[in-house]
Amino acid sequence: NFSIGGTAVNPWNDPLSLAFLAAREVGIFVATAAGNSGPTPETINSPGNVPWMTTAGNTTHHARFDNALINLSGGAT
């Protein structure tokens, strides 16, 4: 679990994001805090905005989020 973040950046140019990609490639599961900064779209910050990590956030409204399986290997789910 990684709960430190900053401003959203391009994950392909960010050393921290690329380190988490390398961890994933060797089988290490990484979860991070969303670090969201508001109720508007696209407010999840780095490193939570990368597609190869699980990102968790908190909510204060009654929205429902269903689980979904995302296959990052490019194969069939």
N, C-alpha and C. Protein backbone atom coordinates (compact mmCIF):
# COMPACT_ATOMS: atom_id res chain seq x y z
N ASN A 1 0.85 -1.17 0.00
CA ASN A 1 0.00 0.00 0.00
C ASN A 1 0.90 1.24 0.00
N PHE A 2 0.55 2.17 -0.88
CA PHE A 2 1.31 3.41 -1.00
C PHE A 2 0.33 4.56 -0.86
N SER A 3 0.47 5.33 0.19
CA SER A 3 -0.49 6.41 0.46
C SER A 3 0.12 7.79 0.37
N ILE A 4 1.10 7.95 -0.50
CA ILE A 4 1.73 9.24 -0.72
C ILE A 4 1.53 9.59 -2.18
N GLY A 5 1.14 10.81 -2.46
CA GLY A 5 0.92 11.18 -3.86
C GLY A 5 1.14 12.65 -4.10
N GLY A 6 0.98 13.01 -5.34
CA GLY A 6 1.15 14.40 -5.72
C GLY A 6 0.28 14.72 -6.91
N THR A 7 0.61 15.77 -7.58
CA THR A 7 -0.14 16.21 -8.75
C THR A 7 -0.11 15.13 -9.83
N ALA A 8 -1.22 14.97 -10.54
CA ALA A 8 -1.29 13.98 -11.61
C ALA A 8 -0.26 14.31 -12.69
N VAL A 9 0.43 13.26 -13.14
CA VAL A 9 1.46 13.41 -14.16
C VAL A 9 1.27 12.33 -15.22
N ASN A 10 1.98 12.47 -16.31
CA ASN A 10 1.98 11.44 -17.34
C ASN A 10 2.72 10.22 -16.77
N PRO A 11 2.06 9.09 -16.58
CA PRO A 11 2.70 7.95 -15.95
C PRO A 11 3.87 7.37 -16.75
N TRP A 12 3.90 7.61 -18.05
CA TRP A 12 4.98 7.08 -18.88
C TRP A 12 6.26 7.89 -18.77
N ASN A 13 6.19 9.05 -18.11
CA ASN A 13 7.37 9.90 -17.91
C ASN A 13 7.72 10.08 -16.44
N ASP A 14 7.02 9.39 -15.56
CA ASP A 14 7.19 9.58 -14.12
C ASP A 14 7.97 8.41 -13.52
N PRO A 15 9.13 8.66 -12.91
CA PRO A 15 9.93 7.57 -12.35
C PRO A 15 9.19 6.72 -11.32
N LEU A 16 8.38 7.35 -10.47
CA LEU A 16 7.63 6.59 -9.46
C LEU A 16 6.61 5.67 -10.12
N SER A 17 5.87 6.18 -11.08
CA SER A 17 4.89 5.36 -11.78
C SER A 17 5.56 4.20 -12.50
N LEU A 18 6.71 4.45 -13.10
CA LEU A 18 7.43 3.40 -13.81
C LEU A 18 8.00 2.37 -12.85
N ALA A 19 8.36 2.78 -11.64
CA ALA A 19 8.81 1.83 -10.63
C ALA A 19 7.66 0.89 -10.24
N PHE A 20 6.46 1.43 -10.12
CA PHE A 20 5.31 0.58 -9.81
C PHE A 20 4.98 -0.35 -10.98
N LEU A 21 5.20 0.09 -12.20
CA LEU A 21 5.01 -0.78 -13.36
C LEU A 21 6.01 -1.93 -13.30
N ALA A 22 7.25 -1.64 -12.97
CA ALA A 22 8.26 -2.70 -12.85
C ALA A 22 7.89 -3.68 -11.74
N ALA A 23 7.35 -3.18 -10.64
CA ALA A 23 6.90 -4.06 -9.56
C ALA A 23 5.79 -4.98 -10.04
N ARG A 24 4.84 -4.44 -10.77
CA ARG A 24 3.75 -5.24 -11.30
C ARG A 24 4.26 -6.31 -12.25
N GLU A 25 5.24 -5.96 -13.07
CA GLU A 25 5.78 -6.90 -14.05
C GLU A 25 6.44 -8.11 -13.40
N VAL A 26 6.92 -7.96 -12.14
CA VAL A 26 7.51 -9.11 -11.44
C VAL A 26 6.55 -9.74 -10.45
N GLY A 27 5.26 -9.33 -10.52
CA GLY A 27 4.23 -9.99 -9.72
C GLY A 27 3.92 -9.36 -8.38
N ILE A 28 4.37 -8.15 -8.14
CA ILE A 28 4.08 -7.47 -6.87
C ILE A 28 2.81 -6.65 -7.03
N PHE A 29 1.83 -6.90 -6.16
CA PHE A 29 0.58 -6.15 -6.17
C PHE A 29 0.78 -4.83 -5.45
N VAL A 30 0.41 -3.73 -6.08
CA VAL A 30 0.54 -2.41 -5.48
C VAL A 30 -0.82 -1.73 -5.45
N ALA A 31 -1.18 -1.23 -4.27
CA ALA A 31 -2.40 -0.43 -4.11
C ALA A 31 -1.99 0.95 -3.63
N THR A 32 -2.71 1.95 -4.10
CA THR A 32 -2.38 3.32 -3.71
C THR A 32 -3.65 4.12 -3.40
N ALA A 33 -3.48 5.15 -2.61
CA ALA A 33 -4.58 6.06 -2.32
C ALA A 33 -4.86 6.92 -3.54
N ALA A 34 -6.13 7.22 -3.77
CA ALA A 34 -6.51 8.01 -4.94
C ALA A 34 -5.99 9.44 -4.84
N GLY A 35 -5.98 10.00 -3.65
CA GLY A 35 -5.52 11.37 -3.51
C GLY A 35 -6.38 12.36 -4.27
N ASN A 36 -7.66 12.01 -4.43
CA ASN A 36 -8.51 12.87 -5.23
C ASN A 36 -8.71 14.23 -4.57
N SER A 37 -8.82 15.24 -5.43
CA SER A 37 -8.88 16.61 -4.93
C SER A 37 -10.20 17.30 -5.26
N GLY A 38 -11.25 16.53 -5.38
CA GLY A 38 -12.53 17.18 -5.60
C GLY A 38 -13.56 16.27 -6.22
N PRO A 39 -14.75 16.77 -6.32
CA PRO A 39 -15.85 15.96 -6.84
C PRO A 39 -15.96 15.97 -8.36
N THR A 40 -15.04 16.61 -9.03
CA THR A 40 -15.13 16.70 -10.49
C THR A 40 -14.33 15.59 -11.16
N PRO A 41 -14.61 15.29 -12.42
CA PRO A 41 -13.85 14.25 -13.13
C PRO A 41 -12.36 14.60 -13.21
N GLU A 42 -11.57 13.57 -13.34
CA GLU A 42 -10.12 13.69 -13.53
C GLU A 42 -9.42 14.37 -12.37
N THR A 43 -9.83 14.07 -11.13
CA THR A 43 -9.17 14.66 -9.97
C THR A 43 -8.35 13.63 -9.20
N ILE A 44 -8.17 12.43 -9.75
CA ILE A 44 -7.30 11.45 -9.10
C ILE A 44 -5.86 11.81 -9.43
N ASN A 45 -5.03 11.92 -8.41
CA ASN A 45 -3.67 12.38 -8.59
C ASN A 45 -2.68 11.23 -8.73
N SER A 46 -1.43 11.57 -8.93
CA SER A 46 -0.35 10.60 -9.10
C SER A 46 0.04 10.02 -7.75
N PRO A 47 0.36 8.73 -7.65
CA PRO A 47 0.45 7.76 -8.74
C PRO A 47 -0.84 6.99 -8.98
N GLY A 48 -1.93 7.42 -8.39
CA GLY A 48 -3.20 6.70 -8.54
C GLY A 48 -3.80 6.77 -9.93
N ASN A 49 -3.27 7.61 -10.79
CA ASN A 49 -3.85 7.76 -12.12
C ASN A 49 -3.21 6.83 -13.15
N VAL A 50 -2.41 5.86 -12.72
CA VAL A 50 -1.80 4.93 -13.66
C VAL A 50 -2.70 3.71 -13.86
N PRO A 51 -2.72 3.12 -15.03
CA PRO A 51 -3.62 2.00 -15.29
C PRO A 51 -3.14 0.66 -14.73
N TRP A 52 -1.94 0.57 -14.20
CA TRP A 52 -1.43 -0.73 -13.76
C TRP A 52 -1.44 -0.91 -12.25
N MET A 53 -2.11 -0.01 -11.53
CA MET A 53 -2.23 -0.16 -10.08
C MET A 53 -3.69 -0.11 -9.67
N THR A 54 -3.96 -0.69 -8.50
CA THR A 54 -5.28 -0.57 -7.89
C THR A 54 -5.28 0.71 -7.06
N THR A 55 -6.28 1.54 -7.28
CA THR A 55 -6.38 2.82 -6.58
C THR A 55 -7.66 2.84 -5.77
N ALA A 56 -7.55 3.24 -4.52
CA ALA A 56 -8.72 3.29 -3.64
C ALA A 56 -8.97 4.73 -3.22
N GLY A 57 -10.24 5.08 -3.15
CA GLY A 57 -10.63 6.42 -2.72
C GLY A 57 -11.81 6.35 -1.79
N ASN A 58 -12.16 7.44 -1.22
CA ASN A 58 -13.28 7.55 -0.31
C ASN A 58 -14.37 8.40 -0.94
N THR A 59 -15.57 8.16 -0.51
CA THR A 59 -16.69 8.94 -1.02
C THR A 59 -17.61 9.32 0.12
N THR A 60 -18.34 10.40 -0.06
CA THR A 60 -19.28 10.83 0.97
C THR A 60 -20.70 10.90 0.42
N HIS A 61 -20.93 10.33 -0.73
CA HIS A 61 -22.28 10.34 -1.29
C HIS A 61 -22.79 8.90 -1.40
N HIS A 62 -24.00 8.74 -1.87
CA HIS A 62 -24.64 7.43 -1.90
C HIS A 62 -24.50 6.75 -3.25
N ALA A 63 -23.45 7.02 -3.97
CA ALA A 63 -23.23 6.37 -5.27
C ALA A 63 -22.85 4.91 -5.05
N ARG A 64 -23.13 4.09 -6.04
CA ARG A 64 -22.81 2.67 -5.96
C ARG A 64 -21.78 2.34 -7.04
N PHE A 65 -20.71 1.68 -6.63
CA PHE A 65 -19.67 1.28 -7.55
C PHE A 65 -19.61 -0.24 -7.57
N ASP A 66 -19.88 -0.84 -8.71
CA ASP A 66 -19.83 -2.29 -8.82
C ASP A 66 -18.42 -2.74 -9.18
N ASN A 67 -18.08 -3.94 -8.72
CA ASN A 67 -16.78 -4.50 -9.05
C ASN A 67 -16.69 -4.84 -10.52
N ALA A 68 -15.51 -4.68 -11.08
CA ALA A 68 -15.28 -5.02 -12.47
C ALA A 68 -13.91 -5.67 -12.58
N LEU A 69 -13.80 -6.66 -13.44
CA LEU A 69 -12.52 -7.31 -13.70
C LEU A 69 -11.86 -6.62 -14.88
N ILE A 70 -10.65 -6.17 -14.67
CA ILE A 70 -9.90 -5.52 -15.75
C ILE A 70 -8.67 -6.36 -16.01
N ASN A 71 -8.54 -6.84 -17.23
CA ASN A 71 -7.41 -7.67 -17.62
C ASN A 71 -6.34 -6.77 -18.23
N LEU A 72 -5.22 -6.60 -17.52
CA LEU A 72 -4.15 -5.74 -18.00
C LEU A 72 -3.15 -6.48 -18.87
N SER A 73 -3.34 -7.79 -19.06
CA SER A 73 -2.37 -8.56 -19.85
C SER A 73 -2.68 -8.50 -21.33
N GLY A 74 -3.84 -7.99 -21.72
CA GLY A 74 -4.21 -7.92 -23.12
C GLY A 74 -4.93 -9.15 -23.61
N GLY A 75 -5.07 -10.17 -22.77
CA GLY A 75 -5.77 -11.40 -23.16
C GLY A 75 -7.23 -11.35 -22.79
N ALA A 76 -7.91 -12.45 -23.03
CA ALA A 76 -9.33 -12.53 -22.71
C ALA A 76 -9.53 -12.60 -21.21
N THR A 77 -10.64 -12.02 -20.72
CA THR A 77 -10.93 -12.07 -19.28
C THR A 77 -11.71 -13.30 -18.96
